Protein backbone atom coordinates (compact mmCIF):
# COMPACT_ATOMS: atom_id res chain seq x y z
CA MET A 1 17.38 15.32 -9.76
CA VAL A 2 14.08 15.02 -7.88
CA GLU A 3 13.43 18.20 -5.90
CA TRP A 4 11.83 18.81 -2.52
CA HIS A 5 8.34 20.35 -2.54
CA LYS A 6 6.44 22.15 0.19
CA ALA A 7 3.38 20.21 1.36
CA THR A 8 0.48 21.27 3.56
CA VAL A 9 -1.40 18.68 5.61
CA ALA A 10 -4.95 19.16 4.30
CA GLU A 11 -6.76 16.20 5.88
CA ILE A 12 -6.05 13.53 8.51
CA HIS A 13 -7.83 10.21 8.93
CA ASP A 14 -7.08 7.49 11.50
CA GLU A 15 -6.76 4.07 9.88
CA THR A 16 -6.13 2.11 13.10
CA ALA A 17 -5.10 2.88 16.66
CA THR A 18 -1.48 3.03 15.47
CA ALA A 19 -1.80 4.32 11.91
CA ARG A 20 -3.20 7.32 10.09
CA SER A 21 -3.55 8.64 6.57
CA LEU A 22 -2.39 12.16 5.70
CA ARG A 23 -3.72 13.91 2.62
CA LEU A 24 -1.24 16.48 1.41
CA LYS A 25 -1.52 19.53 -0.84
CA ILE A 26 1.87 19.57 -2.52
CA ASP A 27 3.23 22.60 -4.36
CA ASP A 28 4.20 21.90 -7.98
CA TRP A 29 3.49 18.17 -7.65
CA PRO A 30 3.92 16.38 -11.02
CA GLY A 31 1.44 13.59 -10.25
CA GLN A 32 2.15 9.91 -9.65
CA LEU A 33 1.70 6.39 -10.95
CA SER A 34 -0.01 3.80 -8.77
CA GLY A 35 2.56 2.04 -6.61
CA GLN A 36 5.11 4.86 -6.41
CA HIS A 37 6.42 6.38 -3.18
CA LEU A 38 7.75 9.67 -1.88
CA ASP A 39 10.12 10.96 0.80
CA ILE A 40 8.81 13.07 3.67
CA ARG A 41 11.17 15.44 5.47
CA VAL A 42 10.55 17.26 8.75
CA THR A 43 12.76 19.98 10.19
CA ALA A 44 12.87 20.49 13.96
CA PRO A 45 13.09 24.00 15.52
CA ASP A 46 16.81 23.42 16.19
CA GLY A 47 17.40 22.68 12.51
CA TYR A 48 17.66 18.89 12.81
CA GLN A 49 16.09 17.13 9.82
CA ALA A 50 14.67 13.64 9.49
CA SER A 51 13.33 12.07 6.31
CA ARG A 52 11.79 8.71 5.48
CA GLU A 53 10.25 7.01 2.47
CA TYR A 54 6.51 6.28 2.40
CA SER A 55 4.29 4.67 -0.22
CA ILE A 56 1.59 6.73 -1.88
CA ALA A 57 -1.93 5.46 -1.27
CA SER A 58 -3.65 7.74 -3.78
CA GLY A 59 -4.49 6.38 -7.18
CA ALA A 60 -2.58 7.48 -10.27
CA SER A 61 -3.09 11.14 -11.13
CA THR A 62 -1.74 13.87 -13.39
CA ASP A 63 -3.69 16.62 -11.62
CA PRO A 64 -1.20 18.95 -9.87
CA ASP A 65 -3.96 20.15 -7.53
CA ALA A 66 -5.08 16.70 -6.37
CA LEU A 67 -4.37 15.79 -2.75
CA VAL A 68 -1.75 13.08 -2.30
CA GLU A 69 -2.43 10.50 0.41
CA VAL A 70 0.15 8.61 2.44
CA SER A 71 -0.75 6.07 5.12
CA ILE A 72 1.74 5.65 7.94
CA GLU A 73 1.98 3.08 10.72
CA GLU A 74 3.72 4.16 13.90
CA LEU A 75 6.82 2.19 14.81
CA ALA A 76 7.76 2.25 18.49
CA ASP A 77 11.45 2.83 17.72
CA GLY A 78 10.79 5.01 14.68
CA GLU A 79 12.35 8.41 14.27
CA LEU A 80 9.66 10.04 12.13
CA SER A 81 6.54 7.84 12.16
CA PRO A 82 5.52 8.63 15.78
CA TYR A 83 5.44 12.34 14.92
CA LEU A 84 3.52 11.83 11.66
CA VAL A 85 0.97 9.57 13.36
CA ARG A 86 0.51 11.48 16.63
CA GLY A 87 2.01 14.93 16.27
CA VAL A 88 1.05 16.34 12.87
CA GLU A 89 -2.07 18.50 12.62
CA VAL A 90 -4.09 19.89 9.71
CA GLY A 91 -2.35 22.98 8.38
CA ASP A 92 1.16 21.84 9.29
CA MET A 93 3.88 22.12 6.69
CA LEU A 94 6.09 19.25 5.55
CA GLU A 95 8.51 18.73 2.69
CA VAL A 96 8.17 15.91 0.18
CA ARG A 97 10.29 14.61 -2.67
CA GLY A 98 9.06 12.40 -5.45
CA PRO A 99 7.37 10.55 -6.90
CA VAL A 100 9.96 7.77 -6.90
CA GLY A 101 9.90 4.34 -8.52
CA GLY A 102 9.00 2.90 -11.89
CA TYR A 103 9.26 -0.85 -11.30
CA PHE A 104 6.62 -1.53 -8.65
CA VAL A 105 3.80 0.21 -10.51
CA TRP A 106 0.55 -0.77 -12.19
CA ARG A 107 -0.77 1.11 -15.20
CA PRO A 108 -4.35 0.95 -16.54
CA GLU A 109 -3.06 -0.04 -19.99
CA GLN A 110 -1.93 -3.37 -18.51
CA THR A 111 -4.46 -6.04 -19.43
CA ASP A 112 -3.16 -9.12 -17.59
CA PRO A 113 -4.81 -10.31 -14.36
CA VAL A 114 -3.22 -8.87 -11.22
CA GLN A 115 -2.45 -10.58 -7.91
CA LEU A 116 -1.75 -8.27 -4.99
CA ILE A 117 -0.28 -9.68 -1.75
CA ALA A 118 0.15 -7.44 1.30
CA GLY A 119 1.71 -7.94 4.70
CA GLY A 120 0.48 -5.38 7.23
CA SER A 121 1.01 -1.79 6.10
CA GLY A 122 2.43 -3.16 2.85
CA VAL A 123 -1.13 -2.78 1.61
CA VAL A 124 -0.56 0.96 1.00
CA PRO A 125 0.92 0.90 -2.54
CA LEU A 126 -1.47 -1.93 -3.44
CA MET A 127 -4.37 0.29 -2.39
CA SER A 128 -3.09 2.84 -4.88
CA MET A 129 -3.35 0.19 -7.59
CA LEU A 130 -6.88 -0.78 -6.52
CA ARG A 131 -7.99 2.85 -6.53
CA THR A 132 -6.51 3.37 -9.99
CA HIS A 133 -8.22 0.19 -11.20
CA ALA A 134 -11.59 1.38 -9.83
CA ALA A 135 -11.26 4.92 -11.21
CA ALA A 136 -10.59 3.50 -14.68
CA GLY A 137 -13.54 1.10 -14.45
CA HIS A 138 -10.99 -1.53 -15.41
CA PRO A 139 -12.29 -5.02 -16.27
CA THR A 140 -8.99 -6.78 -15.57
CA PRO A 141 -9.25 -9.17 -12.58
CA MET A 142 -7.41 -7.85 -9.53
CA ARG A 143 -7.17 -10.01 -6.41
CA LEU A 144 -5.82 -8.89 -3.03
CA LEU A 145 -4.52 -11.29 -0.37
CA TYR A 146 -4.07 -9.22 2.79
CA SER A 147 -2.16 -10.72 5.72
CA VAL A 148 -2.71 -8.66 8.88
CA ARG A 149 -2.53 -9.19 12.64
CA ALA A 150 -6.22 -8.71 13.49
CA PRO A 151 -9.33 -6.94 12.15
CA GLU A 152 -8.57 -3.76 14.09
CA PHE A 153 -5.27 -3.41 12.22
CA VAL A 154 -6.82 -3.48 8.72
CA PHE A 155 -6.20 -0.33 6.68
CA TYR A 156 -9.05 0.95 4.43
CA MET A 157 -11.46 -1.72 5.65
CA HIS A 158 -14.70 -0.14 4.48
CA GLU A 159 -13.26 1.15 1.21
CA LEU A 160 -11.84 -2.26 0.36
CA MET A 161 -15.25 -3.82 0.98
CA GLN A 162 -16.91 -1.26 -1.28
CA LEU A 163 -14.34 -1.75 -4.03
CA ALA A 164 -15.00 -5.49 -4.04
CA GLN A 165 -18.79 -5.04 -3.94
CA ASN A 166 -18.86 -2.46 -6.74
CA SER A 167 -16.39 -4.10 -9.10
CA ASN A 168 -18.69 -6.50 -10.97
CA ASP A 169 -16.52 -9.32 -9.65
CA SER A 170 -13.29 -7.90 -11.09
CA VAL A 171 -11.90 -7.29 -7.58
CA MET A 172 -11.53 -10.15 -5.09
CA LEU A 173 -10.47 -9.70 -1.45
CA ASP A 174 -9.02 -12.34 0.90
CA TYR A 175 -7.83 -11.81 4.48
CA ALA A 176 -5.37 -13.91 6.46
CA TYR A 177 -5.34 -12.87 10.12
CA THR A 178 -2.16 -13.87 11.90
CA ARG A 179 -3.03 -13.26 15.59
CA GLN A 180 -6.78 -12.84 16.03
CA THR A 181 -9.74 -13.50 13.75
CA PRO A 182 -13.33 -12.21 13.76
CA ASP A 183 -15.90 -14.45 15.43
CA GLY A 184 -16.81 -17.34 13.16
CA TRP A 185 -13.95 -16.73 10.74
CA PRO A 186 -13.36 -19.90 8.67
CA ARG A 187 -9.57 -19.75 9.00
CA SER A 188 -7.63 -20.04 12.26
CA ALA A 189 -5.24 -17.25 13.19
CA GLY A 190 -1.71 -17.84 11.97
CA ARG A 191 0.80 -16.98 9.29
CA LEU A 192 0.09 -17.78 5.70
CA THR A 193 1.20 -21.20 4.53
CA ARG A 194 2.30 -22.28 1.09
CA ASP A 195 -0.89 -24.32 0.65
CA GLU A 196 -3.02 -21.28 1.52
CA VAL A 197 -1.15 -19.18 -1.01
CA VAL A 198 -2.10 -21.78 -3.62
CA GLN A 199 -5.76 -21.55 -2.58
CA LEU A 200 -5.97 -17.77 -2.25
CA THR A 201 -4.08 -16.48 -5.29
CA LEU A 202 -4.55 -16.53 -9.04
CA PRO A 203 -2.95 -19.64 -10.57
CA PRO A 204 0.06 -19.53 -12.90
CA GLU A 205 -2.19 -20.63 -15.78
CA GLN A 206 -3.82 -17.18 -15.71
CA ASN A 207 -0.38 -15.55 -16.05
CA PRO A 208 -1.03 -12.76 -13.53
CA MET A 209 1.32 -9.93 -12.74
CA THR A 210 2.00 -10.25 -9.01
CA TYR A 211 2.88 -7.42 -6.63
CA ILE A 212 4.03 -8.26 -3.09
CA CYS A 213 4.69 -5.66 -0.39
CA GLY A 214 5.40 -6.05 3.32
CA PRO A 215 8.19 -6.87 5.79
CA ASN A 216 11.36 -8.44 4.39
CA SER A 217 10.78 -12.01 5.57
CA PHE A 218 7.15 -11.97 4.45
CA VAL A 219 8.04 -10.72 0.98
CA GLU A 220 10.90 -13.17 0.54
CA ASN A 221 8.83 -16.20 1.57
CA ILE A 222 5.78 -15.33 -0.52
CA ALA A 223 7.84 -14.45 -3.59
CA MET A 224 9.76 -17.74 -3.30
CA TRP A 225 6.50 -19.68 -3.06
CA MET A 226 5.00 -17.91 -6.06
CA VAL A 227 8.01 -18.76 -8.22
CA ASP A 228 8.03 -22.36 -6.94
CA LEU A 229 4.36 -22.63 -7.91
CA GLY A 230 5.20 -21.76 -11.50
CA HIS A 231 4.91 -17.99 -11.72
CA PRO A 232 7.75 -16.54 -13.84
CA ALA A 233 10.18 -14.63 -11.61
CA GLU A 234 9.99 -11.58 -13.87
CA ARG A 235 6.25 -11.38 -13.21
CA VAL A 236 6.61 -11.36 -9.42
CA ARG A 237 7.43 -7.80 -8.34
CA THR A 238 8.35 -7.06 -4.75
CA GLU A 239 8.75 -4.07 -2.48
CA ARG A 240 9.87 -4.02 1.15
CA PHE A 241 8.98 -1.58 3.88
CA GLY A 242 10.79 1.74 3.93
CA GLY A 243 12.14 3.55 6.97
CA ALA A 244 10.44 4.61 10.18
C-alpha cells in the first residue's frame, strides 16, 4: 500500500495568473518515473481533509533528497486547487502519497520517437518526460503539440523554448492557441482540427509512442484521430485531468 509522506513547500513559482508550481521536499520519497502523479492531502484546523491527484512535473529521479515539482491550475469550483495556488506559502506542510502510475510513463531506455500532445495544464506530465529526455541527453526525437487558450496561459514557456533550442533538433515544439494568438502568428485562434493534427505530429510511418493529456473531450478526440490516421491503438497512451 502506498503511504502518505510529509512534504514541506520549499519553493513556489507562478506559471500563469491562475497557476503555480510548488517544489516539495518530501520525507522518505522513493523517487519517480517521468509521467507519474501523486496525491496531495491538506488537513484544515477543524480536522477536515481534502486530497486530490496532481501530475509530477519533475523529471525522473531516484534521489530521495531531490525536490519534487507539481504544477497546479486553479479551478474556480475546485476544493483544493484554489488553496494550493493562492494560499500555500514556502515552509508550509502538506502530505503526499505516491508516486502512482506505470502506464503513462516514458523511460530513457525507450528508443522510439515520441509524440506528446497536451491540452492546457495537461502539459505537466509531458514536461516531466521532456525534462527526463533533456537530462539524459537523449537523441530520440520528441515532439510536443501544445493546445492552450492564449500565450499568457502557457506553462514553462521559457524552459520549453530552451529545451527546443538546446536539443540539437531532437525536440520540436508546436503551439495551437484556441482563443488568442500572438501578433503575427501564422495560425488563427481555434481548436485543433484533424488536418492540423496530421500536419503537426509525427506520422505513423515513424511509429512514435504517443502520449496525450488534457481534458476528457480533448483527449478522446485527439486519440481517436491518431488511431484513424494509422497509429496503433496500443501506442497511443492517454491520461485525463485529475481532481480539483
